[in-house]
Structure formats: structure tokens, C-alpha cells
C-alpha atoms as a PDB file:
ATOM      1  CA  MET A   1     -13.301 -13.076 -53.784  1.00  0.00           C
ATOM      2  CA  THR A   2     -12.950 -16.822 -54.310  1.00  0.00           C
ATOM      3  CA  SER A   3      -9.714 -18.733 -53.962  1.00  0.00           C
ATOM      4  CA  LYS A   4     -10.019 -19.794 -57.586  1.00  0.00           C
ATOM      5  CA  LEU A   5     -10.001 -16.141 -58.599  1.00  0.00           C
ATOM      6  CA  LYS A   6      -6.833 -15.401 -56.670  1.00  0.00           C
ATOM      7  CA  LEU A   7      -5.165 -18.474 -58.096  1.00  0.00           C
ATOM      8  CA  PHE A   8      -5.964 -17.184 -61.600  1.00  0.00           C
ATOM      9  CA  LEU A   9      -4.543 -13.773 -60.682  1.00  0.00           C
ATOM     10  CA  ALA A  10      -1.328 -15.313 -59.451  1.00  0.00           C
ATOM     11  CA  CYS A  11      -0.999 -17.344 -62.646  1.00  0.00           C
ATOM     12  CA  THR A  12      -1.476 -14.211 -64.718  1.00  0.00           C
ATOM     13  CA  ALA A  13       1.064 -12.237 -62.698  1.00  0.00           C
ATOM     14  CA  ALA A  14       3.637 -15.021 -62.904  1.00  0.00           C
ATOM     15  CA  MET A  15       3.170 -15.394 -66.645  1.00  0.00           C
ATOM     16  CA  THR A  16       3.599 -11.658 -67.150  1.00  0.00           C
ATOM     17  CA  ALA A  17       6.701 -11.241 -64.998  1.00  0.00           C
ATOM     18  CA  LEU A  18       8.492 -14.525 -65.568  1.00  0.00           C
ATOM     19  CA  PRO A  19       7.428 -16.336 -68.763  1.00  0.00           C
ATOM     20  CA  ALA A  20       9.890 -19.186 -68.298  1.00  0.00           C
ATOM     21  CA  GLN A  21       8.643 -19.804 -64.760  1.00  0.00           C
ATOM     22  CA  ALA A  22       4.994 -19.043 -65.513  1.00  0.00           C
ATOM     23  CA  GLN A  23       3.367 -22.006 -63.868  1.00  0.00           C
ATOM     24  CA  THR A  24       5.715 -22.345 -60.908  1.00  0.00           C
ATOM     25  CA  ALA A  25       4.340 -19.574 -58.681  1.00  0.00           C
ATOM     26  CA  ALA A  26       0.756 -20.792 -58.980  1.00  0.00           C
ATOM     27  CA  ASP A  27       1.681 -24.432 -58.360  1.00  0.00           C
ATOM     28  CA  ASN A  28       3.974 -23.636 -55.441  1.00  0.00           C
ATOM     29  CA  GLY A  29       1.497 -21.126 -54.077  1.00  0.00           C
ATOM     30  CA  LEU A  30      -1.264 -23.696 -53.934  1.00  0.00           C
ATOM     31  CA  ALA A  31       0.998 -26.250 -52.243  1.00  0.00           C
ATOM     32  CA  ILE A  32       2.144 -23.706 -49.649  1.00  0.00           C
ATOM     33  CA  ALA A  33      -1.421 -22.517 -49.062  1.00  0.00           C
ATOM     34  CA  LYS A  34      -2.665 -26.035 -48.400  1.00  0.00           C
ATOM     35  CA  LYS A  35       0.004 -26.543 -45.749  1.00  0.00           C
ATOM     36  CA  MET A  36      -0.779 -23.155 -44.239  1.00  0.00           C
ATOM     37  CA  ILE A  37      -4.482 -23.943 -43.922  1.00  0.00           C
ATOM     38  CA  ALA A  38      -3.636 -27.065 -41.910  1.00  0.00           C
ATOM     39  CA  PHE A  39      -2.208 -24.860 -39.123  1.00  0.00           C
ATOM     40  CA  ARG A  40      -4.901 -23.756 -36.672  1.00  0.00           C
ATOM     41  CA  SER A  41      -3.652 -20.174 -36.433  1.00  0.00           C
ATOM     42  CA  VAL A  42      -6.440 -18.945 -34.158  1.00  0.00           C
ATOM     43  CA  ARG A  43      -5.940 -16.789 -31.076  1.00  0.00           C
ATOM     44  CA  GLY A  44      -6.359 -18.612 -27.789  1.00  0.00           C
ATOM     45  CA  PRO A  45      -5.555 -22.131 -26.555  1.00  0.00           C
ATOM     46  CA  GLY A  46      -3.907 -24.239 -29.240  1.00  0.00           C
ATOM     47  CA  ASN A  47      -2.836 -21.239 -31.350  1.00  0.00           C
ATOM     48  CA  GLN A  48      -0.449 -22.562 -34.024  1.00  0.00           C
ATOM     49  CA  THR A  49       0.498 -19.203 -35.544  1.00  0.00           C
ATOM     50  CA  PRO A  50       4.101 -19.441 -34.239  1.00  0.00           C
ATOM     51  CA  GLN A  51       4.471 -22.871 -35.850  1.00  0.00           C
ATOM     52  CA  LEU A  52       3.004 -21.533 -39.084  1.00  0.00           C
ATOM     53  CA  ALA A  53       5.454 -18.622 -39.072  1.00  0.00           C
ATOM     54  CA  ALA A  54       8.325 -21.068 -38.511  1.00  0.00           C
ATOM     55  CA  TYR A  55       7.115 -23.157 -41.458  1.00  0.00           C
ATOM     56  CA  LEU A  56       7.016 -20.104 -43.719  1.00  0.00           C
ATOM     57  CA  LYS A  57      10.519 -19.153 -42.649  1.00  0.00           C
ATOM     58  CA  SER A  58      11.725 -22.621 -43.677  1.00  0.00           C
ATOM     59  CA  VAL A  59      10.058 -22.172 -47.074  1.00  0.00           C
ATOM     60  CA  LEU A  60      11.683 -18.775 -47.621  1.00  0.00           C
ATOM     61  CA  VAL A  61      15.115 -19.950 -46.502  1.00  0.00           C
ATOM     62  CA  GLY A  62      14.777 -23.068 -48.639  1.00  0.00           C
ATOM     63  CA  GLY A  63      13.990 -20.817 -51.591  1.00  0.00           C
ATOM     64  CA  GLY A  64      17.087 -18.683 -51.293  1.00  0.00           C
ATOM     65  CA  PHE A  65      16.554 -16.187 -48.470  1.00  0.00           C
ATOM     66  CA  ALA A  66      19.312 -15.962 -45.903  1.00  0.00           C
ATOM     67  CA  ALA A  67      18.163 -17.251 -42.518  1.00  0.00           C
ATOM     68  CA  SER A  68      19.261 -13.973 -40.942  1.00  0.00           C
ATOM     69  CA  ASP A  69      16.951 -12.066 -43.308  1.00  0.00           C
ATOM     70  CA  VAL A  70      13.827 -13.888 -42.121  1.00  0.00           C
ATOM     71  CA  THR A  71      12.804 -13.260 -38.524  1.00  0.00           C
ATOM     72  CA  VAL A  72       9.963 -14.799 -36.545  1.00  0.00           C
ATOM     73  CA  THR A  73       9.142 -12.806 -33.424  1.00  0.00           C
ATOM     74  CA  PRO A  74       6.970 -14.368 -30.673  1.00  0.00           C
ATOM     75  CA  VAL A  75       4.337 -12.091 -29.116  1.00  0.00           C
ATOM     76  CA  ASP A  76       2.097 -13.514 -26.386  1.00  0.00           C
ATOM     77  CA  ASP A  77       0.543 -16.666 -27.889  1.00  0.00           C
ATOM     78  CA  THR A  78       1.232 -15.645 -31.500  1.00  0.00           C
ATOM     79  CA  ALA A  79       4.131 -14.445 -33.676  1.00  0.00           C
ATOM     80  CA  TYR A  80       4.876 -12.324 -36.712  1.00  0.00           C
ATOM     81  CA  LEU A  81       7.279 -12.801 -39.614  1.00  0.00           C
ATOM     82  CA  ILE A  82       9.387 -10.257 -41.478  1.00  0.00           C
ATOM     83  CA  ALA A  83      11.423 -11.318 -44.517  1.00  0.00           C
ATOM     84  CA  THR A  84      13.832  -8.842 -46.107  1.00  0.00           C
ATOM     85  CA  TRP A  85      15.195  -9.029 -49.645  1.00  0.00           C
ATOM     86  CA  LYS A  86      17.948  -6.447 -49.809  1.00  0.00           C
ATOM     87  CA  GLY A  87      18.000  -4.197 -52.863  1.00  0.00           C
ATOM     88  CA  SER A  88      21.019  -3.237 -54.958  1.00  0.00           C
ATOM     89  CA  ASP A  89      20.688   0.419 -53.919  1.00  0.00           C
ATOM     90  CA  ALA A  90      20.905   0.652 -50.142  1.00  0.00           C
ATOM     91  CA  ALA A  91      20.037   4.352 -50.280  1.00  0.00           C
ATOM     92  CA  LEU A  92      16.494   3.598 -51.405  1.00  0.00           C
ATOM     93  CA  LYS A  93      13.805   2.914 -48.831  1.00  0.00           C
ATOM     94  CA  PRO A  94      12.196  -0.532 -49.136  1.00  0.00           C
ATOM     95  CA  ILE A  95       8.719  -1.385 -50.287  1.00  0.00           C
ATOM     96  CA  VAL A  96       6.655  -3.474 -47.868  1.00  0.00           C
ATOM     97  CA  PHE A  97       4.113  -6.139 -48.775  1.00  0.00           C
ATOM     98  CA  SER A  98       1.963  -6.734 -45.720  1.00  0.00           C
ATOM     99  CA  GLY A  99      -0.586  -9.343 -44.756  1.00  0.00           C
ATOM    100  CA  HIS A 100      -1.512 -11.695 -41.930  1.00  0.00           C
ATOM    101  CA  ILE A 101      -1.374 -15.420 -41.278  1.00  0.00           C
ATOM    102  CA  ASP A 102      -3.927 -15.754 -38.473  1.00  0.00           C
ATOM    103  CA  VAL A 103      -7.560 -16.606 -39.156  1.00  0.00           C
ATOM    104  CA  VAL A 104     -10.940 -16.250 -37.485  1.00  0.00           C
ATOM    105  CA  GLU A 105     -12.056 -19.150 -35.303  1.00  0.00           C
ATOM    106  CA  ALA A 106     -13.788 -21.926 -37.234  1.00  0.00           C
ATOM    107  CA  LYS A 107     -15.745 -24.698 -35.535  1.00  0.00           C
ATOM    108  CA  PRO A 108     -15.848 -27.942 -37.545  1.00  0.00           C
ATOM    109  CA  ALA A 109     -19.513 -28.432 -36.620  1.00  0.00           C
ATOM    110  CA  ASP A 110     -20.378 -25.263 -38.559  1.00  0.00           C
ATOM    111  CA  TRP A 111     -18.579 -26.371 -41.737  1.00  0.00           C
ATOM    112  CA  GLN A 112     -19.401 -28.906 -44.424  1.00  0.00           C
ATOM    113  CA  ARG A 113     -15.702 -29.817 -44.441  1.00  0.00           C
ATOM    114  CA  ASP A 114     -13.059 -29.686 -41.727  1.00  0.00           C
ATOM    115  CA  PRO A 115     -11.939 -26.009 -41.838  1.00  0.00           C
ATOM    116  CA  PHE A 116      -8.312 -26.945 -41.165  1.00  0.00           C
ATOM    117  CA  THR A 117      -8.103 -29.730 -43.721  1.00  0.00           C
ATOM    118  CA  PRO A 118      -7.454 -28.155 -47.145  1.00  0.00           C
ATOM    119  CA  VAL A 119      -9.448 -29.602 -50.015  1.00  0.00           C
ATOM    120  CA  VAL A 120      -9.443 -28.750 -53.717  1.00  0.00           C
ATOM    121  CA  GLU A 121     -12.723 -29.545 -55.444  1.00  0.00           C
ATOM    122  CA  ASN A 122     -13.673 -28.541 -58.990  1.00  0.00           C
ATOM    123  CA  GLY A 123     -10.862 -26.015 -59.129  1.00  0.00           C
ATOM    124  CA  TYR A 124     -11.724 -24.346 -55.810  1.00  0.00           C
ATOM    125  CA  LEU A 125      -9.657 -24.406 -52.628  1.00  0.00           C
ATOM    126  CA  TYR A 126     -11.660 -24.925 -49.423  1.00  0.00           C
ATOM    127  CA  GLY A 127     -10.461 -24.314 -45.878  1.00  0.00           C
ATOM    128  CA  ARG A 128     -10.244 -21.589 -43.255  1.00  0.00           C
ATOM    129  CA  GLY A 129      -7.977 -18.917 -44.695  1.00  0.00           C
ATOM    130  CA  ALA A 130      -8.450 -19.914 -48.331  1.00  0.00           C
ATOM    131  CA  THR A 131      -9.685 -16.391 -49.071  1.00  0.00           C
ATOM    132  CA  ASP A 132      -8.624 -14.453 -45.985  1.00  0.00           C
ATOM    133  CA  MET A 133      -5.759 -14.725 -46.472  1.00  0.00           C
ATOM    134  CA  LYS A 134      -3.469 -17.726 -46.448  1.00  0.00           C
ATOM    135  CA  LEU A 135      -3.662 -18.247 -50.194  1.00  0.00           C
ATOM    136  CA  ASP A 136      -2.688 -14.597 -50.761  1.00  0.00           C
ATOM    137  CA  ALA A 137       0.334 -14.933 -48.483  1.00  0.00           C
ATOM    138  CA  ALA A 138       1.317 -18.227 -50.103  1.00  0.00           C
ATOM    139  CA  LEU A 139       1.159 -16.723 -53.585  1.00  0.00           C
ATOM    140  CA  ALA A 140       3.247 -13.738 -52.493  1.00  0.00           C
ATOM    141  CA  ILE A 141       5.888 -16.051 -51.067  1.00  0.00           C
ATOM    142  CA  ALA A 142       5.842 -18.310 -54.130  1.00  0.00           C
ATOM    143  CA  THR A 143       6.203 -15.298 -56.430  1.00  0.00           C
ATOM    144  CA  LEU A 144       9.173 -13.943 -54.464  1.00  0.00           C
ATOM    145  CA  LEU A 145      10.853 -17.353 -54.613  1.00  0.00           C
ATOM    146  CA  ASP A 146      10.260 -17.531 -58.359  1.00  0.00           C
ATOM    147  CA  MET A 147      11.830 -14.091 -58.777  1.00  0.00           C
ATOM    148  CA  LYS A 148      14.872 -15.225 -56.807  1.00  0.00           C
ATOM    149  CA  LYS A 149      15.107 -18.416 -58.849  1.00  0.00           C
ATOM    150  CA  ALA A 150      14.984 -16.387 -62.065  1.00  0.00           C
ATOM    151  CA  GLY A 151      17.960 -14.316 -60.884  1.00  0.00           C
ATOM    152  CA  TYR A 152      16.064 -11.090 -60.339  1.00  0.00           C
ATOM    153  CA  THR A 153      17.694  -8.483 -58.087  1.00  0.00           C
ATOM    154  CA  PRO A 154      15.496  -5.625 -56.866  1.00  0.00           C
ATOM    155  CA  LYS A 155      16.949  -2.133 -56.911  1.00  0.00           C
ATOM    156  CA  ARG A 156      14.807  -1.209 -53.928  1.00  0.00           C
ATOM    157  CA  GLY A 157      14.598  -3.589 -50.973  1.00  0.00           C
ATOM    158  CA  ILE A 158      11.490  -5.763 -50.663  1.00  0.00           C
ATOM    159  CA  VAL A 159      10.035  -6.614 -47.261  1.00  0.00           C
ATOM    160  CA  LEU A 160       7.338  -9.201 -46.628  1.00  0.00           C
ATOM    161  CA  ALA A 161       5.599  -8.577 -43.300  1.00  0.00           C
ATOM    162  CA  LEU A 162       3.024 -11.067 -42.007  1.00  0.00           C
ATOM    163  CA  SER A 163       1.272 -10.289 -38.728  1.00  0.00           C
ATOM    164  CA  GLY A 164      -0.140 -12.903 -36.397  1.00  0.00           C
ATOM    165  CA  ASP A 165      -3.258 -11.358 -34.836  1.00  0.00           C
ATOM    166  CA  GLU A 166      -4.887  -9.143 -37.458  1.00  0.00           C
ATOM    167  CA  GLU A 167      -8.241 -10.801 -36.887  1.00  0.00           C
ATOM    168  CA  THR A 168      -8.249 -10.003 -33.156  1.00  0.00           C
ATOM    169  CA  VAL A 169      -6.141  -7.575 -31.107  1.00  0.00           C
ATOM    170  CA  MET A 170      -3.696  -6.460 -33.854  1.00  0.00           C
ATOM    171  CA  LYS A 171      -0.805  -6.181 -31.404  1.00  0.00           C
ATOM    172  CA  THR A 172       1.687  -7.637 -33.884  1.00  0.00           C
ATOM    173  CA  SER A 173       0.301  -5.345 -36.583  1.00  0.00           C
ATOM    174  CA  SER A 174       1.162  -2.327 -34.437  1.00  0.00           C
ATOM    175  CA  LEU A 175       4.648  -3.656 -33.756  1.00  0.00           C
ATOM    176  CA  ILE A 176       5.268  -4.218 -37.462  1.00  0.00           C
ATOM    177  CA  ALA A 177       3.971  -0.757 -38.347  1.00  0.00           C
ATOM    178  CA  GLU A 178       6.374   0.832 -35.886  1.00  0.00           C
ATOM    179  CA  LYS A 179       9.303  -1.285 -37.024  1.00  0.00           C
ATOM    180  CA  LEU A 180       8.755  -0.554 -40.725  1.00  0.00           C
ATOM    181  CA  LYS A 181       7.449   3.008 -40.486  1.00  0.00           C
ATOM    182  CA  ASN A 182      10.312   4.394 -42.587  1.00  0.00           C
ATOM    183  CA  ALA A 183       9.500   2.284 -45.656  1.00  0.00           C
ATOM    184  CA  GLU A 184       8.855   4.055 -48.937  1.00  0.00           C
ATOM    185  CA  MET A 185       5.492   2.362 -49.413  1.00  0.00           C
ATOM    186  CA  ALA A 186       3.386  -0.430 -47.946  1.00  0.00           C
ATOM    187  CA  LEU A 187       1.042  -2.513 -50.089  1.00  0.00           C
ATOM    188  CA  ASN A 188      -1.598  -4.614 -48.385  1.00  0.00           C
ATOM    189  CA  ILE A 189      -1.830  -8.074 -49.961  1.00  0.00           C
ATOM    190  CA  ASP A 190      -5.195  -8.455 -48.247  1.00  0.00           C
ATOM    191  CA  GLY A 191      -6.777  -5.524 -50.132  1.00  0.00           C
ATOM    192  CA  GLY A 192      -8.154  -5.004 -53.614  1.00  0.00           C
ATOM    193  CA  GLY A 193      -9.300  -7.856 -55.802  1.00  0.00           C
ATOM    194  CA  GLY A 194     -11.153  -8.553 -58.983  1.00  0.00           C
ATOM    195  CA  LEU A 195     -13.198 -10.998 -60.940  1.00  0.00           C
ATOM    196  CA  TYR A 196     -12.512 -13.789 -63.396  1.00  0.00           C
ATOM    197  CA  ALA A 197     -15.291 -15.552 -65.262  1.00  0.00           C
ATOM    198  CA  GLU A 198     -15.612 -19.325 -64.924  1.00  0.00           C
ATOM    199  CA  ASP A 199     -13.922 -19.717 -68.319  1.00  0.00           C
ATOM    200  CA  GLY A 200     -10.862 -17.840 -67.070  1.00  0.00           C
ATOM    201  CA  LYS A 201     -11.612 -14.566 -68.860  1.00  0.00           C
ATOM    202  CA  ALA A 202     -10.555 -11.519 -66.866  1.00  0.00           C
ATOM    203  CA  GLU A 203     -13.473  -9.252 -66.016  1.00  0.00           C
ATOM    204  CA  TYR A 204     -11.835  -6.532 -63.930  1.00  0.00           C
ATOM    205  CA  PHE A 205      -9.266  -5.910 -61.201  1.00  0.00           C
ATOM    206  CA  THR A 206      -9.526  -3.403 -58.394  1.00  0.00           C
ATOM    207  CA  ILE A 207      -6.971  -1.731 -56.143  1.00  0.00           C
ATOM    208  CA  GLY A 208      -7.778  -0.709 -52.578  1.00  0.00           C
ATOM    209  CA  ALA A 209      -6.933   2.986 -52.325  1.00  0.00           C
ATOM    210  CA  ALA A 210      -8.050   3.412 -48.711  1.00  0.00           C
ATOM    211  CA  GLU A 211      -9.448   1.395 -45.850  1.00  0.00           C
ATOM    212  CA  LYS A 212     -11.958   2.304 -43.186  1.00  0.00           C
ATOM    213  CA  THR A 213     -11.159   1.544 -39.591  1.00  0.00           C
ATOM    214  CA  TYR A 214     -13.612   0.677 -36.858  1.00  0.00           C
ATOM    215  CA  ALA A 215     -14.323   2.118 -33.447  1.00  0.00           C
ATOM    216  CA  ASP A 216     -15.637   0.605 -30.227  1.00  0.00           C
ATOM    217  CA  PHE A 217     -18.188   2.410 -28.087  1.00  0.00           C
ATOM    218  CA  GLN A 218     -19.402   1.579 -24.593  1.00  0.00           C
ATOM    219  CA  LEU A 219     -22.965   2.505 -23.665  1.00  0.00           C
ATOM    220  CA  ALA A 220     -24.010   2.779 -20.032  1.00  0.00           C
ATOM    221  CA  VAL A 221     -27.404   3.637 -18.561  1.00  0.00           C
ATOM    222  CA  THR A 222     -27.962   4.525 -14.918  1.00  0.00           C
ATOM    223  CA  ASN A 223     -31.048   5.467 -12.936  1.00  0.00           C
ATOM    224  CA  PRO A 224     -32.153   5.474  -9.271  1.00  0.00           C
ATOM    225  CA  GLY A 225     -32.647   1.720  -9.435  1.00  0.00           C
ATOM    226  CA  GLY A 226     -34.820  -0.413  -7.209  1.00  0.00           C
ATOM    227  CA  HIS A 227     -35.533  -4.103  -6.613  1.00  0.00           C
ATOM    228  CA  SER A 228     -36.675  -6.789  -9.022  1.00  0.00           C
ATOM    229  CA  SER A 229     -39.521  -7.671  -6.684  1.00  0.00           C
ATOM    230  CA  ALA A 230     -40.979  -4.219  -7.359  1.00  0.00           C
ATOM    231  CA  PRO A 231     -40.162  -3.467 -11.004  1.00  0.00           C
ATOM    232  CA  ARG A 232     -40.293   0.159 -12.092  1.00  0.00           C
ATOM    233  CA  LYS A 233     -41.572   1.523 -15.363  1.00  0.00           C
ATOM    234  CA  VAL A 234     -38.259   3.270 -15.965  1.00  0.00           C
ATOM    235  CA  ASN A 235     -35.738   0.419 -16.248  1.00  0.00           C
ATOM    236  CA  ALA A 236     -32.069   0.816 -17.173  1.00  0.00           C
ATOM    237  CA  ILE A 237     -32.014  -2.454 -19.136  1.00  0.00           C
ATOM    238  CA  ASN A 238     -35.005  -1.401 -21.205  1.00  0.00           C
ATOM    239  CA  GLU A 239     -33.505   2.014 -21.874  1.00  0.00           C
ATOM    240  CA  LEU A 240     -30.217   0.481 -23.000  1.00  0.00           C
ATOM    241  CA  SER A 241     -32.087  -1.996 -25.223  1.00  0.00           C
ATOM    242  CA  ALA A 242     -34.010   0.862 -26.850  1.00  0.00           C
ATOM    243  CA  ALA A 243     -30.753   2.697 -27.527  1.00  0.00           C
ATOM    244  CA  LEU A 244     -29.248  -0.385 -29.189  1.00  0.00           C
ATOM    245  CA  VAL A 245     -32.322  -0.734 -31.406  1.00  0.00           C
ATOM    246  CA  ARG A 246     -31.962   2.906 -32.488  1.00  0.00           C
ATOM    247  CA  ILE A 247     -28.309   2.321 -33.341  1.00  0.00           C
ATOM    248  CA  GLY A 248     -29.208  -0.798 -35.294  1.00  0.00           C
ATOM    249  CA  ASN A 249     -31.835   1.073 -37.308  1.00  0.00           C
ATOM    250  CA  TYR A 250     -29.547   3.998 -38.134  1.00  0.00           C
ATOM    251  CA  ARG A 251     -28.389   4.305 -41.722  1.00  0.00           C
ATOM    252  CA  PHE A 252     -25.476   6.505 -42.650  1.00  0.00           C
ATOM    253  CA  THR A 253     -25.900   8.953 -45.497  1.00  0.00           C
ATOM    254  CA  PRO A 254     -23.826   7.659 -48.446  1.00  0.00           C
ATOM    255  CA  GLN A 255     -20.812   9.751 -49.375  1.00  0.00           C
ATOM    256  CA  LEU A 256     -19.051   9.371 -52.700  1.00  0.00           C
ATOM    257  CA  SER A 257     -15.454  10.375 -53.341  1.00  0.00           C
ATOM    258  CA  PRO A 258     -13.754  10.482 -56.760  1.00  0.00           C
ATOM    259  CA  ILE A 259     -12.366   7.021 -55.962  1.00  0.00           C
ATOM    260  CA  THR A 260     -15.731   5.437 -55.189  1.00  0.00           C
ATOM    261  CA  LYS A 261     -17.394   7.201 -58.115  1.00  0.00           C
ATOM    262  CA  GLY A 262     -14.733   5.807 -60.426  1.00  0.00           C
ATOM    263  CA  TYR A 263     -15.254   2.339 -58.966  1.00  0.00           C
ATOM    264  CA  PHE A 264     -19.009   2.325 -59.552  1.00  0.00           C
ATOM    265  CA  GLU A 265     -18.598   3.751 -63.052  1.00  0.00           C
ATOM    266  CA  GLY A 266     -16.007   1.174 -64.050  1.00  0.00           C
ATOM    267  CA  VAL A 267     -17.596  -1.889 -62.468  1.00  0.00           C
ATOM    268  CA  ALA A 268     -21.266  -1.215 -63.315  1.00  0.00           C
ATOM    269  CA  PRO A 269     -21.091  -2.564 -66.915  1.00  0.00           C
ATOM    270  CA  ARG A 270     -19.732  -5.874 -65.580  1.00  0.00           C
ATOM    271  CA  GLN A 271     -22.488  -6.501 -63.046  1.00  0.00           C
ATOM    272  CA  THR A 272     -25.959  -7.959 -63.428  1.00  0.00           C
ATOM    273  CA  PRO A 273     -28.390  -5.500 -65.086  1.00  0.00           C
ATOM    274  CA  ALA A 274     -30.113  -4.670 -61.782  1.00  0.00           C
ATOM    275  CA  ILE A 275     -26.930  -4.080 -59.789  1.00  0.00           C
ATOM    276  CA  GLY A 276     -25.285  -2.232 -62.680  1.00  0.00           C
ATOM    277  CA  ALA A 277     -28.264   0.102 -62.977  1.00  0.00           C
ATOM    278  CA  ALA A 278     -28.181   0.778 -59.221  1.00  0.00           C
ATOM    279  CA  MET A 279     -24.460   1.582 -59.397  1.00  0.00           C
ATOM    280  CA  ARG A 280     -24.924   3.997 -62.286  1.00  0.00           C
ATOM    281  CA  ALA A 281     -27.864   5.674 -60.575  1.00  0.00           C
ATOM    282  CA  LEU A 282     -25.866   6.021 -57.361  1.00  0.00           C
ATOM    283  CA  ARG A 283     -22.986   7.487 -59.330  1.00  0.00           C
ATOM    284  CA  ARG A 284     -25.212  10.133 -60.927  1.00  0.00           C
ATOM    285  CA  THR A 285     -27.379  11.038 -57.943  1.00  0.00           C
ATOM    286  CA  ARG A 286     -26.440  14.358 -56.383  1.00  0.00           C
ATOM    287  CA  ARG A 287     -28.742  14.397 -53.377  1.00  0.00           C
ATOM    288  CA  THR A 288     -27.326  12.258 -50.615  1.00  0.00           C
ATOM    289  CA  ARG A 289     -30.708  11.260 -49.196  1.00  0.00           C
ATOM    290  CA  ARG A 290     -31.754   9.913 -52.577  1.00  0.00           C
ATOM    291  CA  ARG A 291     -28.533   7.916 -52.768  1.00  0.00           C
ATOM    292  CA  SER A 292     -29.413   5.849 -49.731  1.00  0.00           C
ATOM    293  CA  ARG A 293     -32.670   4.743 -51.381  1.00  0.00           C
ATOM    294  CA  ARG A 294     -30.779   3.629 -54.475  1.00  0.00           C
ATOM    295  CA  LEU A 295     -28.423   1.303 -52.643  1.00  0.00           C
ATOM    296  CA  PRO A 296     -29.347  -2.356 -53.218  1.00  0.00           C
ATOM    297  CA  PRO A 297     -29.155  -4.635 -50.147  1.00  0.00           C
ATOM    298  CA  ILE A 298     -25.543  -5.629 -50.847  1.00  0.00           C
ATOM    299  CA  PRO A 299     -23.103  -5.064 -47.942  1.00  0.00           C
ATOM    300  CA  ALA A 300     -20.135  -4.510 -50.264  1.00  0.00           C
ATOM    301  CA  MET A 301     -21.885  -1.600 -51.993  1.00  0.00           C
ATOM    302  CA  SER A 302     -22.846   0.006 -48.704  1.00  0.00           C
ATOM    303  CA  ALA A 303     -19.260  -0.393 -47.468  1.00  0.00           C
ATOM    304  CA  ARG A 304     -17.950   1.514 -50.488  1.00  0.00           C
ATOM    305  CA  SER A 305     -20.267   4.472 -50.068  1.00  0.00           C
ATOM    306  CA  ALA A 306     -21.009   4.846 -46.342  1.00  0.00           C
ATOM    307  CA  PRO A 307     -18.699   6.833 -44.045  1.00  0.00           C
ATOM    308  CA  PRO A 308     -16.978   5.060 -41.166  1.00  0.00           C
ATOM    309  CA  ALA A 309     -19.040   4.808 -38.004  1.00  0.00           C
ATOM    310  CA  SER A 310     -16.654   6.926 -35.975  1.00  0.00           C
ATOM    311  CA  ARG A 311     -17.430   9.985 -38.117  1.00  0.00           C
ATOM    312  CA  ARG A 312     -20.939  10.089 -36.706  1.00  0.00           C
ATOM    313  CA  GLY A 313     -20.162   8.666 -33.308  1.00  0.00           C
ATOM    314  CA  SER A 314     -23.507   6.940 -33.109  1.00  0.00           C
ATOM    315  CA  ALA A 315     -22.647   3.335 -33.865  1.00  0.00           C
ATOM    316  CA  ALA A 316     -19.786   0.916 -33.559  1.00  0.00           C
ATOM    317  CA  GLY A 317     -18.197  -0.382 -36.723  1.00  0.00           C
ATOM    318  CA  MET A 318     -18.650  -4.099 -37.171  1.00  0.00           C
ATOM    319  CA  ARG A 319     -15.895  -6.414 -38.404  1.00  0.00           C
END
């Protein structure tokens, strides 16, 4: 999903919830996102995730949150943020909006623009994290601040939880999950999505109902061995290489649930004729082996119909 799309979605949400403040969330969200992108929140030397979390705390406090209700917790070389907006009914469990503020490493030499210098060109925001997911977090924060400014008081508490190492070891994610495990519901800001046409017309919006996880596998090959000066026909390196090729060539049998069937049925009319036809055919096909032949070479479609790798135990999921 492009950053322009998410900016449109935020505008629409703000206009629906707060007509008098319609443009504020989108404008503030973009400004916050641009500052967020400038922080190199990448695991390892020079990680600026703690500084980014501190900046976001200052934004939240400046927008009306009590300083005591926004915590930044250091963990190794990163940090996570939890902001709590207390509800009017303390007996109700809170709802959690979760996301992350770290990003995948980006080397300037691989980019047309500096990945940590935000740029807006032709209505699009460029920079590492523009889509995953600094703009999303910025829009969530801007929307909460707009709601506070409008005088809204939630009946149920609202918690914003932003982890600091989702793209790598997910240690802060685990800590947040344990800390907030008694919440009524958790909504992932980083999931779902939709599509707006270039003219701003809404095409469709999707909600992530589930998420696959990944699994790591270690392969080891042993044999009697020998010496490189007298190579043997049976070689452990060659055997391991052959196993990796087999794993790479394996294709999971597509499995469709009511959720994925509904997705393909609803989205097919809004795709190109070729992709739409493939989606409808996949939706109707009963034989699983025939389904795999109907899948076009689009990773997103395969991701929505293939089971997670750990179910078969023959390949490692790739992130």
C-alpha cells in the first residue's frame, strides 16, 4: 500500500469522526511522519529508536496526554512506547492499538533518495518507514490528538503500544504482549489496507482477520568426511545444497478459508481483468491441486491462500 493511500484513508477517517477537525489529523500526521522518518530507527550501532520514542512522547504530551500516561521503556539498544488514555468506565478493559516504530535497514546507496530524509513528491511520501509503518503510527497519534482536542472522552480506555524491534528480534513486542494481555481487544495498525484510485475515489478497504507467523529451521548434514585433497563423491556440502534446492522448489497446496474466499470474491471485480479472472477461478476451484495452477505469479495472492510453512515443516517462512 502506498503512503498516498494511507494519507487518503486518514483524511477520510478524520472527516467522518470529526467534521470540524477534518483536515487536522491528515496534516499533523504527515508532519509527524516526516519527523519520524528522519530517525534512523534500525537495530544495531546508531539505533535511534529510543530517541524516536522520546519524540513521540513529547508529541503526545504536547497534545494533551499526561506525562505519566506515556511511558518509554528502554530495552537493549531500542525502546518501546505505551500511551494510555483512560476511559470513563474503569471497569471496562481497554482496547489496544499496536504497531512498531523501527524499520528495516536501508543503505543510501541502494535508494534513489536518502532513505532517512523524508520527501513529498507529486502527493507521495518517500522515505524508509513511509509505508511500514511510520506514517501509520503518525496518523494514529494525530487522530488521537484530534479526538482529545475535540473534547472526546472514551468510555473504554484506549492504549497505543508501539514496539521498537518488530522488524528483527521482537523482544519489545513480547514484553508489550505480556504487559497488555488483559486488554479487551488489540488492533494492529500495521495490518489490513485498501486501495484508492489516483483521483481519490475509494476502491475498497480490507481488514486483516489473521496473520501467519514464520518458523526457523536448521538443516545439518553429516557423513564420514575426509580431506579436500581427496574429494569424495558423497559430500555433505553438496547434499545440503540439494536439500535447499528441494525446499526452494516446493510449493504449498493452496488452502482457502471462508475469510480468504470472501476476500477474493470481493476484490476480484476491482482488479485487472486477468488477475480478477484468476481470483474468481481460484475461488470456485474445489480441487486443491488445480488451485495452485490458477495462482498468478503475485506474492500477495500466494500469501493469502498458502498455509504457513510450519504446518508442513519442510521450509522456513521468509519475512
